[in-house]
Amino acid sequence: MHWILIIGIILLVTGLLVTNIYYRFKVLKLSRKLNRAKVEISPKMLFQPGSEKENMLKRYPQHRDDIIRLGHYMRQSMRIFVALLIAILVMAWFINQGSEYSR
């Protein structure tokens, strides 16, 4: 059981790294495209729904889809990171609990 949890943690960390690299390439690609088009974006505008985001979308209507997709990728990558981190911590907790009982 102990080895299964260790292998699970290794696989989750690998998954964390792979998804991080995947979303980093996606975000960088869109960021470069928007920077070349001289679109000014701050992360605050992407994460907070409201007037700032709407103003940005109104200022750059031709890049609306890219701006929305960039915010979606960033939020999705954070959700996946948090889920994998929680799974890693839970597995590490189980390993720690198992080592306490074997004493």
PDB file of N, CA and C in Angstrom:
ATOM      1  N   MET A   1       0.831  -1.194   0.000  1.00  0.00           N
ATOM      2  CA  MET A   1       0.000   0.000   0.000  1.00  0.00           C
ATOM      3  C   MET A   1       0.869   1.249   0.000  1.00  0.00           C
ATOM      4  N   HIS A   2       1.959   1.177   0.733  1.00  0.00           N
ATOM      5  CA  HIS A   2       2.863   2.318   0.845  1.00  0.00           C
ATOM      6  C   HIS A   2       3.448   2.686  -0.515  1.00  0.00           C
ATOM      7  N   TRP A   3       3.842   1.683  -1.311  1.00  0.00           N
ATOM      8  CA  TRP A   3       4.436   1.929  -2.618  1.00  0.00           C
ATOM      9  C   TRP A   3       3.407   2.466  -3.608  1.00  0.00           C
ATOM     10  N   ILE A   4       2.185   2.024  -3.480  1.00  0.00           N
ATOM     11  CA  ILE A   4       1.131   2.513  -4.375  1.00  0.00           C
ATOM     12  C   ILE A   4       0.937   4.008  -4.173  1.00  0.00           C
ATOM     13  N   LEU A   5       0.940   4.445  -2.931  1.00  0.00           N
ATOM     14  CA  LEU A   5       0.778   5.871  -2.655  1.00  0.00           C
ATOM     15  C   LEU A   5       1.971   6.678  -3.165  1.00  0.00           C
ATOM     16  N   ILE A   6       3.161   6.148  -3.007  1.00  0.00           N
ATOM     17  CA  ILE A   6       4.349   6.854  -3.498  1.00  0.00           C
ATOM     18  C   ILE A   6       4.313   6.970  -5.017  1.00  0.00           C
ATOM     19  N   ILE A   7       3.946   5.884  -5.691  1.00  0.00           N
ATOM     20  CA  ILE A   7       3.831   5.926  -7.153  1.00  0.00           C
ATOM     21  C   ILE A   7       2.726   6.897  -7.559  1.00  0.00           C
ATOM     22  N   GLY A   8       1.636   6.920  -6.808  1.00  0.00           N
ATOM     23  CA  GLY A   8       0.553   7.867  -7.084  1.00  0.00           C
ATOM     24  C   GLY A   8       1.018   9.305  -6.963  1.00  0.00           C
ATOM     25  N   ILE A   9       1.808   9.588  -5.932  1.00  0.00           N
ATOM     26  CA  ILE A   9       2.326  10.947  -5.760  1.00  0.00           C
ATOM     27  C   ILE A   9       3.260  11.310  -6.906  1.00  0.00           C
ATOM     28  N   ILE A  10       4.114  10.381  -7.305  1.00  0.00           N
ATOM     29  CA  ILE A  10       5.024  10.644  -8.420  1.00  0.00           C
ATOM     30  C   ILE A  10       4.236  10.932  -9.694  1.00  0.00           C
ATOM     31  N   LEU A  11       3.180  10.150  -9.939  1.00  0.00           N
ATOM     32  CA  LEU A  11       2.355  10.376 -11.128  1.00  0.00           C
ATOM     33  C   LEU A  11       1.622  11.714 -11.061  1.00  0.00           C
ATOM     34  N   LEU A  12       1.139  12.082  -9.881  1.00  0.00           N
ATOM     35  CA  LEU A  12       0.455  13.367  -9.743  1.00  0.00           C
ATOM     36  C   LEU A  12       1.405  14.539  -9.932  1.00  0.00           C
ATOM     37  N   VAL A  13       2.606  14.434  -9.402  1.00  0.00           N
ATOM     38  CA  VAL A  13       3.588  15.502  -9.599  1.00  0.00           C
ATOM     39  C   VAL A  13       3.947  15.611 -11.079  1.00  0.00           C
ATOM     40  N   THR A  14       4.099  14.469 -11.734  1.00  0.00           N
ATOM     41  CA  THR A  14       4.370  14.484 -13.173  1.00  0.00           C
ATOM     42  C   THR A  14       3.205  15.127 -13.926  1.00  0.00           C
ATOM     43  N   GLY A  15       1.988  14.777 -13.550  1.00  0.00           N
ATOM     44  CA  GLY A  15       0.815  15.391 -14.159  1.00  0.00           C
ATOM     45  C   GLY A  15       0.768  16.886 -13.925  1.00  0.00           C
ATOM     46  N   LEU A  16       1.162  17.293 -12.740  1.00  0.00           N
ATOM     47  CA  LEU A  16       1.208  18.718 -12.407  1.00  0.00           C
ATOM     48  C   LEU A  16       2.190  19.443 -13.320  1.00  0.00           C
ATOM     49  N   LEU A  17       3.350  18.859 -13.509  1.00  0.00           N
ATOM     50  CA  LEU A  17       4.356  19.479 -14.376  1.00  0.00           C
ATOM     51  C   LEU A  17       3.903  19.522 -15.834  1.00  0.00           C
ATOM     52  N   VAL A  18       3.319  18.434 -16.314  1.00  0.00           N
ATOM     53  CA  VAL A  18       2.875  18.378 -17.712  1.00  0.00           C
ATOM     54  C   VAL A  18       1.756  19.393 -17.967  1.00  0.00           C
ATOM     55  N   THR A  19       0.768  19.460 -17.081  1.00  0.00           N
ATOM     56  CA  THR A  19      -0.318  20.421 -17.290  1.00  0.00           C
ATOM     57  C   THR A  19       0.185  21.846 -17.163  1.00  0.00           C
ATOM     58  N   ASN A  20       1.143  22.074 -16.267  1.00  0.00           N
ATOM     59  CA  ASN A  20       1.714  23.399 -16.133  1.00  0.00           C
ATOM     60  C   ASN A  20       2.394  23.826 -17.429  1.00  0.00           C
ATOM     61  N   ILE A  21       3.183  22.935 -17.992  1.00  0.00           N
ATOM     62  CA  ILE A  21       3.875  23.253 -19.246  1.00  0.00           C
ATOM     63  C   ILE A  21       2.869  23.451 -20.378  1.00  0.00           C
ATOM     64  N   TYR A  22       1.847  22.602 -20.448  1.00  0.00           N
ATOM     65  CA  TYR A  22       0.824  22.704 -21.497  1.00  0.00           C
ATOM     66  C   TYR A  22       0.130  24.063 -21.451  1.00  0.00           C
ATOM     67  N   TYR A  23      -0.366  24.439 -20.263  1.00  0.00           N
ATOM     68  CA  TYR A  23      -1.082  25.710 -20.160  1.00  0.00           C
ATOM     69  C   TYR A  23      -0.140  26.900 -20.286  1.00  0.00           C
ATOM     70  N   ARG A  24       1.101  26.746 -19.863  1.00  0.00           N
ATOM     71  CA  ARG A  24       2.063  27.835 -20.020  1.00  0.00           C
ATOM     72  C   ARG A  24       2.268  28.140 -21.499  1.00  0.00           C
ATOM     73  N   PHE A  25       2.398  27.107 -22.342  1.00  0.00           N
ATOM     74  CA  PHE A  25       2.546  27.337 -23.773  1.00  0.00           C
ATOM     75  C   PHE A  25       1.294  27.982 -24.361  1.00  0.00           C
ATOM     76  N   LYS A  26       0.130  27.508 -23.940  1.00  0.00           N
ATOM     77  CA  LYS A  26      -1.123  28.094 -24.436  1.00  0.00           C
ATOM     78  C   LYS A  26      -1.223  29.570 -24.063  1.00  0.00           C
ATOM     79  N   VAL A  27      -0.948  29.878 -22.794  1.00  0.00           N
ATOM     80  CA  VAL A  27      -1.057  31.255 -22.311  1.00  0.00           C
ATOM     81  C   VAL A  27      -0.003  32.135 -22.975  1.00  0.00           C
ATOM     82  N   LEU A  28       1.223  31.656 -23.079  1.00  0.00           N
ATOM     83  CA  LEU A  28       2.275  32.454 -23.715  1.00  0.00           C
ATOM     84  C   LEU A  28       1.962  32.735 -25.184  1.00  0.00           C
ATOM     85  N   LYS A  29       1.414  31.749 -25.874  1.00  0.00           N
ATOM     86  CA  LYS A  29       1.061  31.931 -27.277  1.00  0.00           C
ATOM     87  C   LYS A  29       0.007  33.038 -27.429  1.00  0.00           C
ATOM     88  N   LEU A  30      -1.035  32.980 -26.612  1.00  0.00           N
ATOM     89  CA  LEU A  30      -2.075  34.013 -26.681  1.00  0.00           C
ATOM     90  C   LEU A  30      -1.551  35.362 -26.206  1.00  0.00           C
ATOM     91  N   SER A  31      -0.709  35.358 -25.175  1.00  0.00           N
ATOM     92  CA  SER A  31      -0.154  36.619 -24.671  1.00  0.00           C
ATOM     93  C   SER A  31       0.690  37.298 -25.737  1.00  0.00           C
ATOM     94  N   ARG A  32       1.530  36.521 -26.426  1.00  0.00           N
ATOM     95  CA  ARG A  32       2.345  37.104 -27.499  1.00  0.00           C
ATOM     96  C   ARG A  32       1.471  37.680 -28.606  1.00  0.00           C
ATOM     97  N   LYS A  33       0.432  36.937 -28.951  1.00  0.00           N
ATOM     98  CA  LYS A  33      -0.469  37.409 -30.011  1.00  0.00           C
ATOM     99  C   LYS A  33      -1.120  38.725 -29.609  1.00  0.00           C
ATOM    100  N   LEU A  34      -1.567  38.809 -28.361  1.00  0.00           N
ATOM    101  CA  LEU A  34      -2.212  40.037 -27.903  1.00  0.00           C
ATOM    102  C   LEU A  34      -1.205  41.168 -27.718  1.00  0.00           C
ATOM    103  N   ASN A  35       0.019  40.855 -27.301  1.00  0.00           N
ATOM    104  CA  ASN A  35       1.042  41.886 -27.168  1.00  0.00           C
ATOM    105  C   ASN A  35       1.429  42.470 -28.519  1.00  0.00           C
ATOM    106  N   ARG A  36       1.509  41.611 -29.527  1.00  0.00           N
ATOM    107  CA  ARG A  36       1.816  42.101 -30.883  1.00  0.00           C
ATOM    108  C   ARG A  36       0.728  43.025 -31.394  1.00  0.00           C
ATOM    109  N   ALA A  37      -0.504  42.765 -30.965  1.00  0.00           N
ATOM    110  CA  ALA A  37      -1.625  43.620 -31.367  1.00  0.00           C
ATOM    111  C   ALA A  37      -1.763  44.831 -30.451  1.00  0.00           C
ATOM    112  N   LYS A  38      -0.813  44.990 -29.521  1.00  0.00           N
ATOM    113  CA  LYS A  38      -0.774  46.114 -28.572  1.00  0.00           C
ATOM    114  C   LYS A  38      -2.010  46.165 -27.665  1.00  0.00           C
ATOM    115  N   VAL A  39      -2.477  44.988 -27.267  1.00  0.00           N
ATOM    116  CA  VAL A  39      -3.589  44.887 -26.326  1.00  0.00           C
ATOM    117  C   VAL A  39      -3.007  44.864 -24.917  1.00  0.00           C
ATOM    118  N   GLU A  40      -3.421  45.823 -24.093  1.00  0.00           N
ATOM    119  CA  GLU A  40      -2.925  45.910 -22.720  1.00  0.00           C
ATOM    120  C   GLU A  40      -3.817  45.072 -21.811  1.00  0.00           C
ATOM    121  N   ILE A  41      -3.207  44.055 -21.191  1.00  0.00           N
ATOM    122  CA  ILE A  41      -3.976  43.145 -20.341  1.00  0.00           C
ATOM    123  C   ILE A  41      -3.291  43.053 -18.987  1.00  0.00           C
ATOM    124  N   SER A  42      -4.100  43.159 -17.938  1.00  0.00           N
ATOM    125  CA  SER A  42      -3.584  42.870 -16.601  1.00  0.00           C
ATOM    126  C   SER A  42      -4.355  41.659 -16.080  1.00  0.00           C
ATOM    127  N   PRO A  43      -3.705  40.817 -15.294  1.00  0.00           N
ATOM    128  CA  PRO A  43      -4.404  39.631 -14.766  1.00  0.00           C
ATOM    129  C   PRO A  43      -5.660  40.002 -13.972  1.00  0.00           C
ATOM    130  N   LYS A  44      -5.641  41.145 -13.320  1.00  0.00           N
ATOM    131  CA  LYS A  44      -6.809  41.582 -12.554  1.00  0.00           C
ATOM    132  C   LYS A  44      -8.034  41.707 -13.460  1.00  0.00           C
ATOM    133  N   MET A  45      -7.812  42.201 -14.659  1.00  0.00           N
ATOM    134  CA  MET A  45      -8.925  42.355 -15.596  1.00  0.00           C
ATOM    135  C   MET A  45      -9.478  41.006 -16.046  1.00  0.00           C
ATOM    136  N   LEU A  46      -8.620  39.995 -16.121  1.00  0.00           N
ATOM    137  CA  LEU A  46      -9.068  38.686 -16.594  1.00  0.00           C
ATOM    138  C   LEU A  46      -9.828  37.907 -15.531  1.00  0.00           C
ATOM    139  N   PHE A  47      -9.459  38.111 -14.268  1.00  0.00           N
ATOM    140  CA  PHE A  47     -10.030  37.285 -13.206  1.00  0.00           C
ATOM    141  C   PHE A  47     -11.257  37.898 -12.546  1.00  0.00           C
ATOM    142  N   GLN A  48     -11.402  39.192 -12.631  1.00  0.00           N
ATOM    143  CA  GLN A  48     -12.540  39.831 -11.974  1.00  0.00           C
ATOM    144  C   GLN A  48     -13.629  40.130 -12.992  1.00  0.00           C
ATOM    145  N   PRO A  49     -14.735  39.427 -12.872  1.00  0.00           N
ATOM    146  CA  PRO A  49     -15.833  39.764 -13.786  1.00  0.00           C
ATOM    147  C   PRO A  49     -16.396  41.122 -13.394  1.00  0.00           C
ATOM    148  N   GLY A  50     -16.638  41.931 -14.365  1.00  0.00           N
ATOM    149  CA  GLY A  50     -17.201  43.231 -14.044  1.00  0.00           C
ATOM    150  C   GLY A  50     -16.821  44.275 -15.069  1.00  0.00           C
ATOM    151  N   SER A  51     -16.849  45.504 -14.615  1.00  0.00           N
ATOM    152  CA  SER A  51     -16.716  46.634 -15.528  1.00  0.00           C
ATOM    153  C   SER A  51     -15.338  46.716 -16.171  1.00  0.00           C
ATOM    154  N   GLU A  52     -14.258  46.402 -15.435  1.00  0.00           N
ATOM    155  CA  GLU A  52     -12.921  46.502 -16.029  1.00  0.00           C
ATOM    156  C   GLU A  52     -12.770  45.531 -17.199  1.00  0.00           C
ATOM    157  N   LYS A  53     -13.242  44.322 -17.016  1.00  0.00           N
ATOM    158  CA  LYS A  53     -13.148  43.325 -18.089  1.00  0.00           C
ATOM    159  C   LYS A  53     -14.010  43.740 -19.275  1.00  0.00           C
ATOM    160  N   GLU A  54     -15.207  44.207 -18.986  1.00  0.00           N
ATOM    161  CA  GLU A  54     -16.096  44.639 -20.069  1.00  0.00           C
ATOM    162  C   GLU A  54     -15.519  45.832 -20.820  1.00  0.00           C
ATOM    163  N   ASN A  55     -14.899  46.764 -20.091  1.00  0.00           N
ATOM    164  CA  ASN A  55     -14.264  47.903 -20.754  1.00  0.00           C
ATOM    165  C   ASN A  55     -13.128  47.451 -21.656  1.00  0.00           C
ATOM    166  N   MET A  56     -12.342  46.485 -21.195  1.00  0.00           N
ATOM    167  CA  MET A  56     -11.253  45.966 -22.002  1.00  0.00           C
ATOM    168  C   MET A  56     -11.799  45.275 -23.251  1.00  0.00           C
ATOM    169  N   LEU A  57     -12.866  44.508 -23.090  1.00  0.00           N
ATOM    170  CA  LEU A  57     -13.462  43.831 -24.244  1.00  0.00           C
ATOM    171  C   LEU A  57     -14.066  44.829 -25.231  1.00  0.00           C
ATOM    172  N   LYS A  58     -14.592  45.932 -24.710  1.00  0.00           N
ATOM    173  CA  LYS A  58     -15.139  46.968 -25.598  1.00  0.00           C
ATOM    174  C   LYS A  58     -14.025  47.716 -26.323  1.00  0.00           C
ATOM    175  N   ARG A  59     -12.874  47.905 -25.639  1.00  0.00           N
ATOM    176  CA  ARG A  59     -11.742  48.601 -26.259  1.00  0.00           C
ATOM    177  C   ARG A  59     -11.126  47.794 -27.393  1.00  0.00           C
ATOM    178  N   TYR A  60     -11.141  46.463 -27.236  1.00  0.00           N
ATOM    179  CA  TYR A  60     -10.513  45.583 -28.225  1.00  0.00           C
ATOM    180  C   TYR A  60     -11.517  44.531 -28.710  1.00  0.00           C
ATOM    181  N   PRO A  61     -12.567  44.950 -29.418  1.00  0.00           N
ATOM    182  CA  PRO A  61     -13.595  43.976 -29.833  1.00  0.00           C
ATOM    183  C   PRO A  61     -13.077  42.932 -30.819  1.00  0.00           C
ATOM    184  N   GLN A  62     -12.064  43.266 -31.607  1.00  0.00           N
ATOM    185  CA  GLN A  62     -11.541  42.307 -32.578  1.00  0.00           C
ATOM    186  C   GLN A  62     -10.746  41.201 -31.906  1.00  0.00           C
ATOM    187  N   HIS A  63     -10.341  41.402 -30.646  1.00  0.00           N
ATOM    188  CA  HIS A  63      -9.576  40.397 -29.900  1.00  0.00           C
ATOM    189  C   HIS A  63     -10.387  39.791 -28.752  1.00  0.00           C
ATOM    190  N   ARG A  64     -11.673  39.960 -28.809  1.00  0.00           N
ATOM    191  CA  ARG A  64     -12.553  39.505 -27.727  1.00  0.00           C
ATOM    192  C   ARG A  64     -12.372  38.008 -27.429  1.00  0.00           C
ATOM    193  N   ASP A  65     -12.391  37.185 -28.463  1.00  0.00           N
ATOM    194  CA  ASP A  65     -12.270  35.734 -28.258  1.00  0.00           C
ATOM    195  C   ASP A  65     -10.931  35.361 -27.629  1.00  0.00           C
ATOM    196  N   ASP A  66      -9.850  36.009 -28.084  1.00  0.00           N
ATOM    197  CA  ASP A  66      -8.531  35.712 -27.526  1.00  0.00           C
ATOM    198  C   ASP A  66      -8.433  36.133 -26.060  1.00  0.00           C
ATOM    199  N   ILE A  67      -8.993  37.264 -25.724  1.00  0.00           N
ATOM    200  CA  ILE A  67      -8.951  37.746 -24.337  1.00  0.00           C
ATOM    201  C   ILE A  67      -9.733  36.807 -23.429  1.00  0.00           C
ATOM    202  N   ILE A  68     -10.912  36.405 -23.862  1.00  0.00           N
ATOM    203  CA  ILE A  68     -11.735  35.486 -23.062  1.00  0.00           C
ATOM    204  C   ILE A  68     -11.049  34.136 -22.940  1.00  0.00           C
ATOM    205  N   ARG A  69     -10.458  33.640 -24.027  1.00  0.00           N
ATOM    206  CA  ARG A  69      -9.762  32.360 -23.994  1.00  0.00           C
ATOM    207  C   ARG A  69      -8.539  32.413 -23.067  1.00  0.00           C
ATOM    208  N   LEU A  70      -7.825  33.540 -23.068  1.00  0.00           N
ATOM    209  CA  LEU A  70      -6.663  33.692 -22.191  1.00  0.00           C
ATOM    210  C   LEU A  70      -7.086  33.608 -20.726  1.00  0.00           C
ATOM    211  N   GLY A  71      -8.155  34.301 -20.378  1.00  0.00           N
ATOM    212  CA  GLY A  71      -8.664  34.226 -19.007  1.00  0.00           C
ATOM    213  C   GLY A  71      -9.126  32.831 -18.648  1.00  0.00           C
ATOM    214  N   HIS A  72      -9.757  32.156 -19.590  1.00  0.00           N
ATOM    215  CA  HIS A  72     -10.224  30.785 -19.365  1.00  0.00           C
ATOM    216  C   HIS A  72      -9.050  29.848 -19.119  1.00  0.00           C
ATOM    217  N   TYR A  73      -8.012  29.951 -19.941  1.00  0.00           N
ATOM    218  CA  TYR A  73      -6.834  29.092 -19.765  1.00  0.00           C
ATOM    219  C   TYR A  73      -6.172  29.334 -18.410  1.00  0.00           C
ATOM    220  N   MET A  74      -6.079  30.592 -18.013  1.00  0.00           N
ATOM    221  CA  MET A  74      -5.424  30.906 -16.740  1.00  0.00           C
ATOM    222  C   MET A  74      -6.230  30.363 -15.561  1.00  0.00           C
ATOM    223  N   ARG A  75      -7.537  30.545 -15.599  1.00  0.00           N
ATOM    224  CA  ARG A  75      -8.385  30.021 -14.514  1.00  0.00           C
ATOM    225  C   ARG A  75      -8.367  28.500 -14.483  1.00  0.00           C
ATOM    226  N   GLN A  76      -8.439  27.886 -15.651  1.00  0.00           N
ATOM    227  CA  GLN A  76      -8.443  26.426 -15.727  1.00  0.00           C
ATOM    228  C   GLN A  76      -7.121  25.844 -15.229  1.00  0.00           C
ATOM    229  N   SER A  77      -6.010  26.470 -15.557  1.00  0.00           N
ATOM    230  CA  SER A  77      -4.716  25.972 -15.091  1.00  0.00           C
ATOM    231  C   SER A  77      -4.609  26.087 -13.575  1.00  0.00           C
ATOM    232  N   MET A  78      -5.164  27.146 -13.008  1.00  0.00           N
ATOM    233  CA  MET A  78      -5.135  27.278 -11.543  1.00  0.00           C
ATOM    234  C   MET A  78      -6.022  26.234 -10.874  1.00  0.00           C
ATOM    235  N   ARG A  79      -7.177  25.952 -11.455  1.00  0.00           N
ATOM    236  CA  ARG A  79      -8.051  24.916 -10.887  1.00  0.00           C
ATOM    237  C   ARG A  79      -7.382  23.551 -10.901  1.00  0.00           C
ATOM    238  N   ILE A  80      -6.757  23.216 -12.019  1.00  0.00           N
ATOM    239  CA  ILE A  80      -6.071  21.926 -12.121  1.00  0.00           C
ATOM    240  C   ILE A  80      -4.920  21.863 -11.134  1.00  0.00           C
ATOM    241  N   PHE A  81      -4.170  22.963 -10.998  1.00  0.00           N
ATOM    242  CA  PHE A  81      -3.064  23.004 -10.043  1.00  0.00           C
ATOM    243  C   PHE A  81      -3.559  22.759  -8.623  1.00  0.00           C
ATOM    244  N   VAL A  82      -4.628  23.425  -8.240  1.00  0.00           N
ATOM    245  CA  VAL A  82      -5.155  23.261  -6.884  1.00  0.00           C
ATOM    246  C   VAL A  82      -5.655  21.834  -6.657  1.00  0.00           C
ATOM    247  N   ALA A  83      -6.355  21.273  -7.644  1.00  0.00           N
ATOM    248  CA  ALA A  83      -6.870  19.905  -7.496  1.00  0.00           C
ATOM    249  C   ALA A  83      -5.733  18.897  -7.358  1.00  0.00           C
ATOM    250  N   LEU A  84      -4.703  19.025  -8.195  1.00  0.00           N
ATOM    251  CA  LEU A  84      -3.576  18.102  -8.105  1.00  0.00           C
ATOM    252  C   LEU A  84      -2.792  18.300  -6.812  1.00  0.00           C
ATOM    253  N   LEU A  85      -2.648  19.532  -6.384  1.00  0.00           N
ATOM    254  CA  LEU A  85      -1.941  19.794  -5.132  1.00  0.00           C
ATOM    255  C   LEU A  85      -2.684  19.185  -3.950  1.00  0.00           C
ATOM    256  N   ILE A  86      -3.996  19.322  -3.926  1.00  0.00           N
ATOM    257  CA  ILE A  86      -4.784  18.722  -2.843  1.00  0.00           C
ATOM    258  C   ILE A  86      -4.647  17.197  -2.879  1.00  0.00           C
ATOM    259  N   ALA A  87      -4.688  16.608  -4.072  1.00  0.00           N
ATOM    260  CA  ALA A  87      -4.535  15.151  -4.183  1.00  0.00           C
ATOM    261  C   ALA A  87      -3.161  14.710  -3.685  1.00  0.00           C
ATOM    262  N   ILE A  88      -2.123  15.471  -4.022  1.00  0.00           N
ATOM    263  CA  ILE A  88      -0.771  15.147  -3.553  1.00  0.00           C
ATOM    264  C   ILE A  88      -0.702  15.236  -2.039  1.00  0.00           C
ATOM    265  N   LEU A  89      -1.277  16.289  -1.469  1.00  0.00           N
ATOM    266  CA  LEU A  89      -1.238  16.457  -0.020  1.00  0.00           C
ATOM    267  C   LEU A  89      -2.019  15.360   0.705  1.00  0.00           C
ATOM    268  N   VAL A  90      -3.157  14.954   0.147  1.00  0.00           N
ATOM    269  CA  VAL A  90      -3.941  13.876   0.756  1.00  0.00           C
ATOM    270  C   VAL A  90      -3.164  12.567   0.720  1.00  0.00           C
ATOM    271  N   MET A  91      -2.536  12.280  -0.402  1.00  0.00           N
ATOM    272  CA  MET A  91      -1.739  11.044  -0.486  1.00  0.00           C
ATOM    273  C   MET A  91      -0.548  11.093   0.466  1.00  0.00           C
ATOM    274  N   ALA A  92       0.090  12.246   0.566  1.00  0.00           N
ATOM    275  CA  ALA A  92       1.209  12.374   1.504  1.00  0.00           C
ATOM    276  C   ALA A  92       0.722  12.186   2.940  1.00  0.00           C
ATOM    277  N   TRP A  93      -0.477  12.687   3.235  1.00  0.00           N
ATOM    278  CA  TRP A  93      -1.041  12.518   4.577  1.00  0.00           C
ATOM    279  C   TRP A  93      -1.285  11.027   4.858  1.00  0.00           C
ATOM    280  N   PHE A  94      -1.817  10.299   3.847  1.00  0.00           N
ATOM    281  CA  PHE A  94      -2.030   8.860   4.022  1.00  0.00           C
ATOM    282  C   PHE A  94      -0.716   8.126   4.246  1.00  0.00           C
ATOM    283  N   ILE A  95       0.328   8.515   3.526  1.00  0.00           N
ATOM    284  CA  ILE A  95       1.640   7.895   3.736  1.00  0.00           C
ATOM    285  C   ILE A  95       2.119   8.167   5.156  1.00  0.00           C
ATOM    286  N   ASN A  96       1.950   9.399   5.606  1.00  0.00           N
ATOM    287  CA  ASN A  96       2.372   9.761   6.960  1.00  0.00           C
ATOM    288  C   ASN A  96       1.564   8.996   8.006  1.00  0.00           C
ATOM    289  N   GLN A  97       0.278   8.848   7.793  1.00  0.00           N
ATOM    290  CA  GLN A  97      -0.550   8.109   8.745  1.00  0.00           C
ATOM    291  C   GLN A  97      -0.166   6.635   8.777  1.00  0.00           C
ATOM    292  N   GLY A  98       0.159   6.081   7.620  1.00  0.00           N
ATOM    293  CA  GLY A  98       0.563   4.681   7.537  1.00  0.00           C
ATOM    294  C   GLY A  98       1.884   4.436   8.242  1.00  0.00           C
ATOM    295  N   SER A  99       2.791   5.401   8.152  1.00  0.00           N
ATOM    296  CA  SER A  99       4.098   5.217   8.813  1.00  0.00           C
ATOM    297  C   SER A  99       3.952   5.335  10.319  1.00  0.00           C
ATOM    298  N   GLU A 100       2.969   6.086  10.802  1.00  0.00           N
ATOM    299  CA  GLU A 100       2.753   6.193  12.254  1.00  0.00           C
ATOM    300  C   GLU A 100       2.186   4.890  12.814  1.00  0.00           C
ATOM    301  N   TYR A 101       1.330   4.227  12.030  1.00  0.00           N
ATOM    302  CA  TYR A 101       0.729   2.978  12.522  1.00  0.00           C
ATOM    303  C   TYR A 101       1.699   1.812  12.478  1.00  0.00           C
ATOM    304  N   SER A 102       2.706   1.895  11.623  1.00  0.00           N
ATOM    305  CA  SER A 102       3.629   0.765  11.517  1.00  0.00           C
ATOM    306  C   SER A 102       4.685   0.763  12.617  1.00  0.00           C
ATOM    307  N   ARG A 103       4.715   1.801  13.423  1.00  0.00           N
ATOM    308  CA  ARG A 103       5.712   1.866  14.513  1.00  0.00           C
ATOM    309  C   ARG A 103       5.331   1.010  15.666  1.00  0.00           C
TER     310      ARG A 103
END
